[in-house]
C-alpha atoms as a PDB file:
ATOM      1  CA  MET A   1      33.681  -7.934  25.877  1.00  0.00           C
ATOM      2  CA  LYS A   2      32.945  -5.706  22.927  1.00  0.00           C
ATOM      3  CA  LEU A   3      30.787  -7.344  20.279  1.00  0.00           C
ATOM      4  CA  SER A   4      32.016  -7.272  16.715  1.00  0.00           C
ATOM      5  CA  ARG A   5      29.923  -5.549  14.084  1.00  0.00           C
ATOM      6  CA  GLY A   6      29.129  -8.905  12.529  1.00  0.00           C
ATOM      7  CA  TRP A   7      27.716 -10.198  15.813  1.00  0.00           C
ATOM      8  CA  ILE A   8      25.654  -7.039  16.316  1.00  0.00           C
ATOM      9  CA  ALA A   9      24.117  -7.483  12.859  1.00  0.00           C
ATOM     10  CA  THR A  10      23.423 -11.151  13.632  1.00  0.00           C
ATOM     11  CA  ILE A  11      21.718 -10.295  16.930  1.00  0.00           C
ATOM     12  CA  ILE A  12      19.542  -7.664  15.216  1.00  0.00           C
ATOM     13  CA  ILE A  13      18.463 -10.096  12.497  1.00  0.00           C
ATOM     14  CA  ILE A  14      17.676 -12.915  14.923  1.00  0.00           C
ATOM     15  CA  GLY A  15      15.930 -10.568  17.382  1.00  0.00           C
ATOM     16  CA  VAL A  16      13.665  -9.049  14.739  1.00  0.00           C
ATOM     17  CA  LEU A  17      12.850 -12.499  13.357  1.00  0.00           C
ATOM     18  CA  ILE A  18      11.908 -13.863  16.788  1.00  0.00           C
ATOM     19  CA  ILE A  19       9.664 -10.885  17.626  1.00  0.00           C
ATOM     20  CA  ASP A  20       8.084 -10.847  14.167  1.00  0.00           C
ATOM     21  CA  GLN A  21       7.289 -14.562  14.156  1.00  0.00           C
ATOM     22  CA  ALA A  22       6.113 -14.617  17.776  1.00  0.00           C
ATOM     23  CA  VAL A  23       3.571 -11.865  17.042  1.00  0.00           C
ATOM     24  CA  LYS A  24       2.429 -13.493  13.794  1.00  0.00           C
ATOM     25  CA  ILE A  25       1.977 -16.925  15.360  1.00  0.00           C
ATOM     26  CA  TRP A  26       0.032 -15.422  18.275  1.00  0.00           C
ATOM     27  CA  VAL A  27      -2.256 -13.553  15.878  1.00  0.00           C
ATOM     28  CA  LYS A  28      -2.780 -16.648  13.704  1.00  0.00           C
ATOM     29  CA  THR A  29      -3.668 -18.859  16.677  1.00  0.00           C
ATOM     30  CA  HIS A  30      -5.674 -16.355  18.746  1.00  0.00           C
ATOM     31  CA  MET A  31      -7.543 -14.217  16.189  1.00  0.00           C
ATOM     32  CA  PHE A  32      -9.759 -15.100  13.257  1.00  0.00           C
ATOM     33  CA  LEU A  33      -9.237 -13.507   9.856  1.00  0.00           C
ATOM     34  CA  GLY A  34     -10.705  -9.999   9.853  1.00  0.00           C
ATOM     35  CA  GLN A  35     -10.874  -9.718  13.649  1.00  0.00           C
ATOM     36  CA  GLU A  36      -9.882  -6.382  15.167  1.00  0.00           C
ATOM     37  CA  PHE A  37      -8.703  -5.309  18.619  1.00  0.00           C
ATOM     38  CA  VAL A  38      -8.945  -1.567  19.275  1.00  0.00           C
ATOM     39  CA  ILE A  39      -5.980  -0.535  21.407  1.00  0.00           C
ATOM     40  CA  ALA A  40      -6.544   3.198  20.847  1.00  0.00           C
ATOM     41  CA  ASP A  41      -8.356   5.372  18.311  1.00  0.00           C
ATOM     42  CA  TRP A  42      -5.106   5.601  16.342  1.00  0.00           C
ATOM     43  CA  PHE A  43      -3.800   2.036  16.863  1.00  0.00           C
ATOM     44  CA  ARG A  44      -5.495  -1.308  16.259  1.00  0.00           C
ATOM     45  CA  ILE A  45      -4.562  -4.952  15.846  1.00  0.00           C
ATOM     46  CA  TYR A  46      -6.357  -5.991  12.661  1.00  0.00           C
ATOM     47  CA  PHE A  47      -5.680  -9.498  11.342  1.00  0.00           C
ATOM     48  CA  ILE A  48      -5.397  -9.772   7.574  1.00  0.00           C
ATOM     49  CA  GLU A  49      -3.294 -11.838   5.178  1.00  0.00           C
ATOM     50  CA  ASN A  50      -1.867 -11.032   1.779  1.00  0.00           C
ATOM     51  CA  ASN A  51      -0.047 -12.740  -1.086  1.00  0.00           C
ATOM     52  CA  GLY A  52       2.131  -9.799  -1.988  1.00  0.00           C
ATOM     53  CA  MET A  53       4.995  -7.712  -0.766  1.00  0.00           C
ATOM     54  CA  ALA A  54       5.230  -5.116   2.029  1.00  0.00           C
ATOM     55  CA  PHE A  55       2.031  -3.384   3.175  1.00  0.00           C
ATOM     56  CA  GLY A  56      -0.150  -5.813   1.236  1.00  0.00           C
ATOM     57  CA  MET A  57       0.954  -4.804  -2.261  1.00  0.00           C
ATOM     58  CA  GLU A  58       0.484  -7.373  -5.018  1.00  0.00           C
ATOM     59  CA  LEU A  59       3.235  -7.778  -7.613  1.00  0.00           C
ATOM     60  CA  GLY A  60       3.757 -10.782  -9.884  1.00  0.00           C
ATOM     61  CA  SER A  61       3.129 -14.430  -9.128  1.00  0.00           C
ATOM     62  CA  LYS A  62       3.263 -15.897  -5.643  1.00  0.00           C
ATOM     63  CA  LEU A  63       6.105 -18.299  -6.459  1.00  0.00           C
ATOM     64  CA  PHE A  64       8.129 -15.511  -8.062  1.00  0.00           C
ATOM     65  CA  LEU A  65       7.725 -13.302  -4.997  1.00  0.00           C
ATOM     66  CA  SER A  66       8.819 -16.082  -2.632  1.00  0.00           C
ATOM     67  CA  LEU A  67      11.885 -16.949  -4.723  1.00  0.00           C
ATOM     68  CA  PHE A  68      12.726 -13.261  -5.172  1.00  0.00           C
ATOM     69  CA  ARG A  69      12.685 -12.729  -1.401  1.00  0.00           C
ATOM     70  CA  ILE A  70      14.958 -15.726  -0.809  1.00  0.00           C
ATOM     71  CA  VAL A  71      17.500 -14.528  -3.376  1.00  0.00           C
ATOM     72  CA  ALA A  72      17.341 -10.978  -1.986  1.00  0.00           C
ATOM     73  CA  VAL A  73      17.962 -12.128   1.596  1.00  0.00           C
ATOM     74  CA  GLY A  74      20.865 -14.314   0.472  1.00  0.00           C
ATOM     75  CA  LEU A  75      22.460 -11.349  -1.313  1.00  0.00           C
ATOM     76  CA  LEU A  76      21.902  -9.066   1.679  1.00  0.00           C
ATOM     77  CA  ILE A  77      23.546 -11.551   4.063  1.00  0.00           C
ATOM     78  CA  TYR A  78      26.487 -11.896   1.683  1.00  0.00           C
ATOM     79  CA  TYR A  79      26.738  -8.101   1.446  1.00  0.00           C
ATOM     80  CA  ILE A  80      26.759  -7.668   5.234  1.00  0.00           C
ATOM     81  CA  CYS A  81      29.494 -10.292   5.514  1.00  0.00           C
ATOM     82  CA  ARG A  82      31.558  -8.364   2.979  1.00  0.00           C
ATOM     83  CA  ILE A  83      31.227  -4.935   4.620  1.00  0.00           C
ATOM     84  CA  ARG A  84      31.226  -5.835   8.310  1.00  0.00           C
ATOM     85  CA  ARG A  85      35.002  -5.289   8.654  1.00  0.00           C
ATOM     86  CA  ARG A  86      35.334  -2.178   6.533  1.00  0.00           C
ATOM     87  CA  THR A  87      36.596   0.762   8.567  1.00  0.00           C
ATOM     88  CA  ASP A  88      35.189   3.285   6.090  1.00  0.00           C
ATOM     89  CA  ILE A  89      31.593   2.168   6.737  1.00  0.00           C
ATOM     90  CA  LYS A  90      29.747   3.213   9.892  1.00  0.00           C
ATOM     91  CA  MET A  91      27.944   0.755  12.154  1.00  0.00           C
ATOM     92  CA  GLY A  92      24.634   2.531  11.551  1.00  0.00           C
ATOM     93  CA  TYR A  93      24.726   1.513   7.894  1.00  0.00           C
ATOM     94  CA  ILE A  94      25.261  -2.121   8.841  1.00  0.00           C
ATOM     95  CA  VAL A  95      22.335  -1.878  11.295  1.00  0.00           C
ATOM     96  CA  CYS A  96      20.116  -0.603   8.461  1.00  0.00           C
ATOM     97  CA  CYS A  97      21.166  -3.511   6.250  1.00  0.00           C
ATOM     98  CA  ALA A  98      20.476  -5.935   9.110  1.00  0.00           C
ATOM     99  CA  LEU A  99      16.963  -4.505   9.646  1.00  0.00           C
ATOM    100  CA  ILE A 100      16.163  -4.815   5.935  1.00  0.00           C
ATOM    101  CA  THR A 101      17.518  -8.377   5.873  1.00  0.00           C
ATOM    102  CA  ALA A 102      15.537  -9.385   8.959  1.00  0.00           C
ATOM    103  CA  GLY A 103      12.314  -7.898   7.600  1.00  0.00           C
ATOM    104  CA  ALA A 104      12.656  -9.639   4.266  1.00  0.00           C
ATOM    105  CA  ALA A 105      13.479 -12.938   5.995  1.00  0.00           C
ATOM    106  CA  GLY A 106      10.475 -12.587   8.308  1.00  0.00           C
ATOM    107  CA  ASN A 107       8.063 -12.405   5.395  1.00  0.00           C
ATOM    108  CA  ILE A 108       9.884 -15.257   3.646  1.00  0.00           C
ATOM    109  CA  ILE A 109       9.012 -17.554   6.552  1.00  0.00           C
ATOM    110  CA  ASP A 110       5.315 -16.752   6.088  1.00  0.00           C
ATOM    111  CA  SER A 111       5.405 -17.267   2.335  1.00  0.00           C
ATOM    112  CA  VAL A 112       7.392 -20.484   2.395  1.00  0.00           C
ATOM    113  CA  PHE A 113       6.086 -22.288   5.480  1.00  0.00           C
ATOM    114  CA  TYR A 114       2.772 -20.880   6.748  1.00  0.00           C
ATOM    115  CA  GLY A 115       0.720 -22.650   4.098  1.00  0.00           C
ATOM    116  CA  VAL A 116       2.141 -25.959   5.312  1.00  0.00           C
ATOM    117  CA  ILE A 117       2.008 -25.488   9.093  1.00  0.00           C
ATOM    118  CA  PHE A 118      -1.372 -23.712   9.473  1.00  0.00           C
ATOM    119  CA  ASN A 119      -4.904 -24.578   8.405  1.00  0.00           C
ATOM    120  CA  ASP A 120      -7.358 -22.005   7.070  1.00  0.00           C
ATOM    121  CA  PRO A 121     -10.639 -22.237   8.995  1.00  0.00           C
ATOM    122  CA  TYR A 122     -13.696 -20.100   8.382  1.00  0.00           C
ATOM    123  CA  PRO A 123     -14.170 -17.224  10.856  1.00  0.00           C
ATOM    124  CA  PRO A 124     -14.799 -17.079  13.743  1.00  0.00           C
ATOM    125  CA  GLU A 125     -12.570 -20.149  14.161  1.00  0.00           C
ATOM    126  CA  VAL A 126      -8.863 -19.476  14.595  1.00  0.00           C
ATOM    127  CA  ALA A 127      -6.062 -21.281  12.788  1.00  0.00           C
ATOM    128  CA  MET A 128      -4.379 -24.368  14.217  1.00  0.00           C
ATOM    129  CA  MET A 129      -0.642 -24.926  14.036  1.00  0.00           C
ATOM    130  CA  PHE A 130       0.356 -28.284  12.507  1.00  0.00           C
ATOM    131  CA  PRO A 131      -3.236 -29.471  11.939  1.00  0.00           C
ATOM    132  CA  PRO A 132      -3.693 -33.223  11.441  1.00  0.00           C
ATOM    133  CA  GLU A 133      -5.378 -32.664   8.070  1.00  0.00           C
ATOM    134  CA  GLY A 134      -2.428 -30.633   6.799  1.00  0.00           C
ATOM    135  CA  GLY A 135      -1.972 -27.000   5.856  1.00  0.00           C
ATOM    136  CA  TYR A 136      -3.894 -24.762   3.509  1.00  0.00           C
ATOM    137  CA  ALA A 137      -1.274 -24.451   0.737  1.00  0.00           C
ATOM    138  CA  PRO A 138       1.948 -26.050  -0.602  1.00  0.00           C
ATOM    139  CA  VAL A 139       5.439 -24.821   0.252  1.00  0.00           C
ATOM    140  CA  PHE A 140       6.125 -21.320  -1.195  1.00  0.00           C
ATOM    141  CA  TYR A 141       2.425 -20.483  -1.362  1.00  0.00           C
ATOM    142  CA  GLY A 142       1.727 -19.340   2.177  1.00  0.00           C
ATOM    143  CA  ARG A 143       0.180 -15.963   2.942  1.00  0.00           C
ATOM    144  CA  VAL A 144       1.922 -13.157   4.840  1.00  0.00           C
ATOM    145  CA  VAL A 145       0.302 -12.195   8.153  1.00  0.00           C
ATOM    146  CA  ASP A 146      -0.328  -8.474   8.797  1.00  0.00           C
ATOM    147  CA  MET A 147      -1.811  -6.937  11.920  1.00  0.00           C
ATOM    148  CA  LEU A 148      -0.514  -3.429  12.712  1.00  0.00           C
ATOM    149  CA  TYR A 149      -3.036  -0.738  11.761  1.00  0.00           C
ATOM    150  CA  PHE A 150      -2.581   2.969  12.495  1.00  0.00           C
ATOM    151  CA  PRO A 151      -5.618   5.026  11.351  1.00  0.00           C
ATOM    152  CA  LEU A 152      -3.996   8.246  12.618  1.00  0.00           C
ATOM    153  CA  PHE A 153      -6.509  10.768  11.320  1.00  0.00           C
ATOM    154  CA  SER A 154      -9.259  11.193   8.735  1.00  0.00           C
ATOM    155  CA  PHE A 155     -11.238  13.940   7.045  1.00  0.00           C
ATOM    156  CA  TYR A 156     -13.405  14.731   4.030  1.00  0.00           C
ATOM    157  CA  TRP A 157     -11.811  16.667   1.201  1.00  0.00           C
ATOM    158  CA  PRO A 158     -13.495  20.037   0.546  1.00  0.00           C
ATOM    159  CA  ASP A 159     -15.854  19.952  -2.400  1.00  0.00           C
ATOM    160  CA  TRP A 160     -13.743  22.474  -4.325  1.00  0.00           C
ATOM    161  CA  VAL A 161     -10.662  20.168  -4.430  1.00  0.00           C
ATOM    162  CA  PRO A 162     -10.291  18.731  -7.972  1.00  0.00           C
ATOM    163  CA  PHE A 163     -10.814  14.964  -8.450  1.00  0.00           C
ATOM    164  CA  VAL A 164     -11.168  14.108  -4.722  1.00  0.00           C
ATOM    165  CA  GLY A 165     -13.612  16.787  -3.542  1.00  0.00           C
ATOM    166  CA  GLY A 166     -16.110  15.406  -1.012  1.00  0.00           C
ATOM    167  CA  GLU A 167     -14.307  12.070  -0.677  1.00  0.00           C
ATOM    168  CA  TYR A 168     -13.271  10.515   2.627  1.00  0.00           C
ATOM    169  CA  PHE A 169      -9.531  10.379   3.344  1.00  0.00           C
ATOM    170  CA  LEU A 170      -7.896   8.185   5.980  1.00  0.00           C
ATOM    171  CA  PHE A 171      -4.246   8.317   6.997  1.00  0.00           C
ATOM    172  CA  PHE A 172      -2.603   5.788   7.469  1.00  0.00           C
ATOM    173  CA  GLN A 173      -4.505   3.006   5.654  1.00  0.00           C
ATOM    174  CA  PRO A 174      -1.977   0.176   5.060  1.00  0.00           C
ATOM    175  CA  ILE A 175      -1.940  -2.744   7.511  1.00  0.00           C
ATOM    176  CA  PHE A 176       1.530  -4.173   8.031  1.00  0.00           C
ATOM    177  CA  ASN A 177       3.689  -6.351  10.297  1.00  0.00           C
ATOM    178  CA  ILE A 178       6.913  -6.017  12.261  1.00  0.00           C
ATOM    179  CA  ALA A 179       8.963  -7.332   9.332  1.00  0.00           C
ATOM    180  CA  ASP A 180       7.520  -4.592   7.100  1.00  0.00           C
ATOM    181  CA  ALA A 181       8.329  -2.017   9.791  1.00  0.00           C
ATOM    182  CA  ALA A 182      11.940  -3.230  10.016  1.00  0.00           C
ATOM    183  CA  ILE A 183      12.341  -2.949   6.244  1.00  0.00           C
ATOM    184  CA  THR A 184      10.798   0.528   6.177  1.00  0.00           C
ATOM    185  CA  VAL A 185      12.883   1.882   9.072  1.00  0.00           C
ATOM    186  CA  GLY A 186      16.055   0.395   7.605  1.00  0.00           C
ATOM    187  CA  ILE A 187      15.449   1.878   4.157  1.00  0.00           C
ATOM    188  CA  LEU A 188      14.404   5.322   5.430  1.00  0.00           C
ATOM    189  CA  VAL A 189      17.375   5.689   7.784  1.00  0.00           C
ATOM    190  CA  LEU A 190      19.712   4.378   5.082  1.00  0.00           C
ATOM    191  CA  ILE A 191      18.438   6.901   2.525  1.00  0.00           C
ATOM    192  CA  ILE A 192      18.497   9.847   4.949  1.00  0.00           C
ATOM    193  CA  PHE A 193      21.846   9.218   6.662  1.00  0.00           C
ATOM    194  CA  TYR A 194      23.848   6.636   4.741  1.00  0.00           C
ATOM    195  CA  SER A 195      22.977   6.915   1.047  1.00  0.00           C
ATOM    196  CA  LYS A 196      26.587   7.818   0.212  1.00  0.00           C
ATOM    197  CA  TYR A 197      27.635   4.243   0.966  1.00  0.00           C
ATOM    198  CA  LEU A 198      25.426   2.854  -1.792  1.00  0.00           C
ATOM    199  CA  SER A 199      27.740   4.283  -4.452  1.00  0.00           C
ATOM    200  CA  MET A 200      31.037   3.414  -2.743  1.00  0.00           C
ATOM    201  CA  PRO A 201      33.453   1.023  -4.459  1.00  0.00           C
ATOM    202  CA  GLY A 202      33.742  -2.466  -3.063  1.00  0.00           C
ATOM    203  CA  LYS A 203      37.213  -1.915  -1.609  1.00  0.00           C
ATOM    204  CA  GLU A 204      37.997  -4.051   1.422  1.00  0.00           C
ATOM    205  CA  SER A 205      39.882  -2.500   4.304  1.00  0.00           C
ATOM    206  CA  ALA A 206      39.749  -5.231   6.940  1.00  0.00           C
ATOM    207  CA  ASP A 207      43.511  -5.137   7.459  1.00  0.00           C
ATOM    208  CA  SER A 208      43.274  -1.692   9.043  1.00  0.00           C
ATOM    209  CA  LEU A 209      40.541  -2.747  11.507  1.00  0.00           C
ATOM    210  CA  PRO A 210      41.652  -3.469  15.086  1.00  0.00           C
ATOM    211  CA  GLU A 211      41.669  -7.163  15.860  1.00  0.00           C
ATOM    212  CA  GLU A 212      38.980  -6.873  18.569  1.00  0.00           C
ATOM    213  CA  ASN A 213      36.498  -5.456  16.017  1.00  0.00           C
ATOM    214  CA  LYS A 214      36.950  -8.190  13.406  1.00  0.00           C
END
């Protein structure tokens, strides 16, 4: 049986959420804050937390960020429901929207619930899920868990380079999670291959779609 485009988007969102949360919960309950596992010279598992948006950026208040994410995910889900039957939109575009939605939802779970369901012990103790004394923060004030670190290469800038001469440069410095990766991949592929759809009118064409694809 051929899956409809709506079901494919649903499976992508749920799959990314399950993988993202499984990794985050394992890191929270098996690593202490700041701990690092070296997998290779260019790949490490490095446990940090942040209050901000993707890749640890800080922007605005914590409550605002949590509410903004919830509204954004709601709009994205509504948008996918509107376009899933349009014959003039390719499946790849819907996949990109599903990846972005899943990534945003994954970080929402951290922000909304992690402060309630985890404690915040001092290293080298690891966090406990559903501690008897309660969590470390109220609802909406949890911290986002990051762990993927790719220090691909580094060098010192030549002394003659203006402003940065002699300074150490490391690529890639941000530490992120699977939800961040899903958002980034979705946005990059969307911009490169499907940007034309962003300016298309909201015309529905479900009537011309074969019944098995609805």
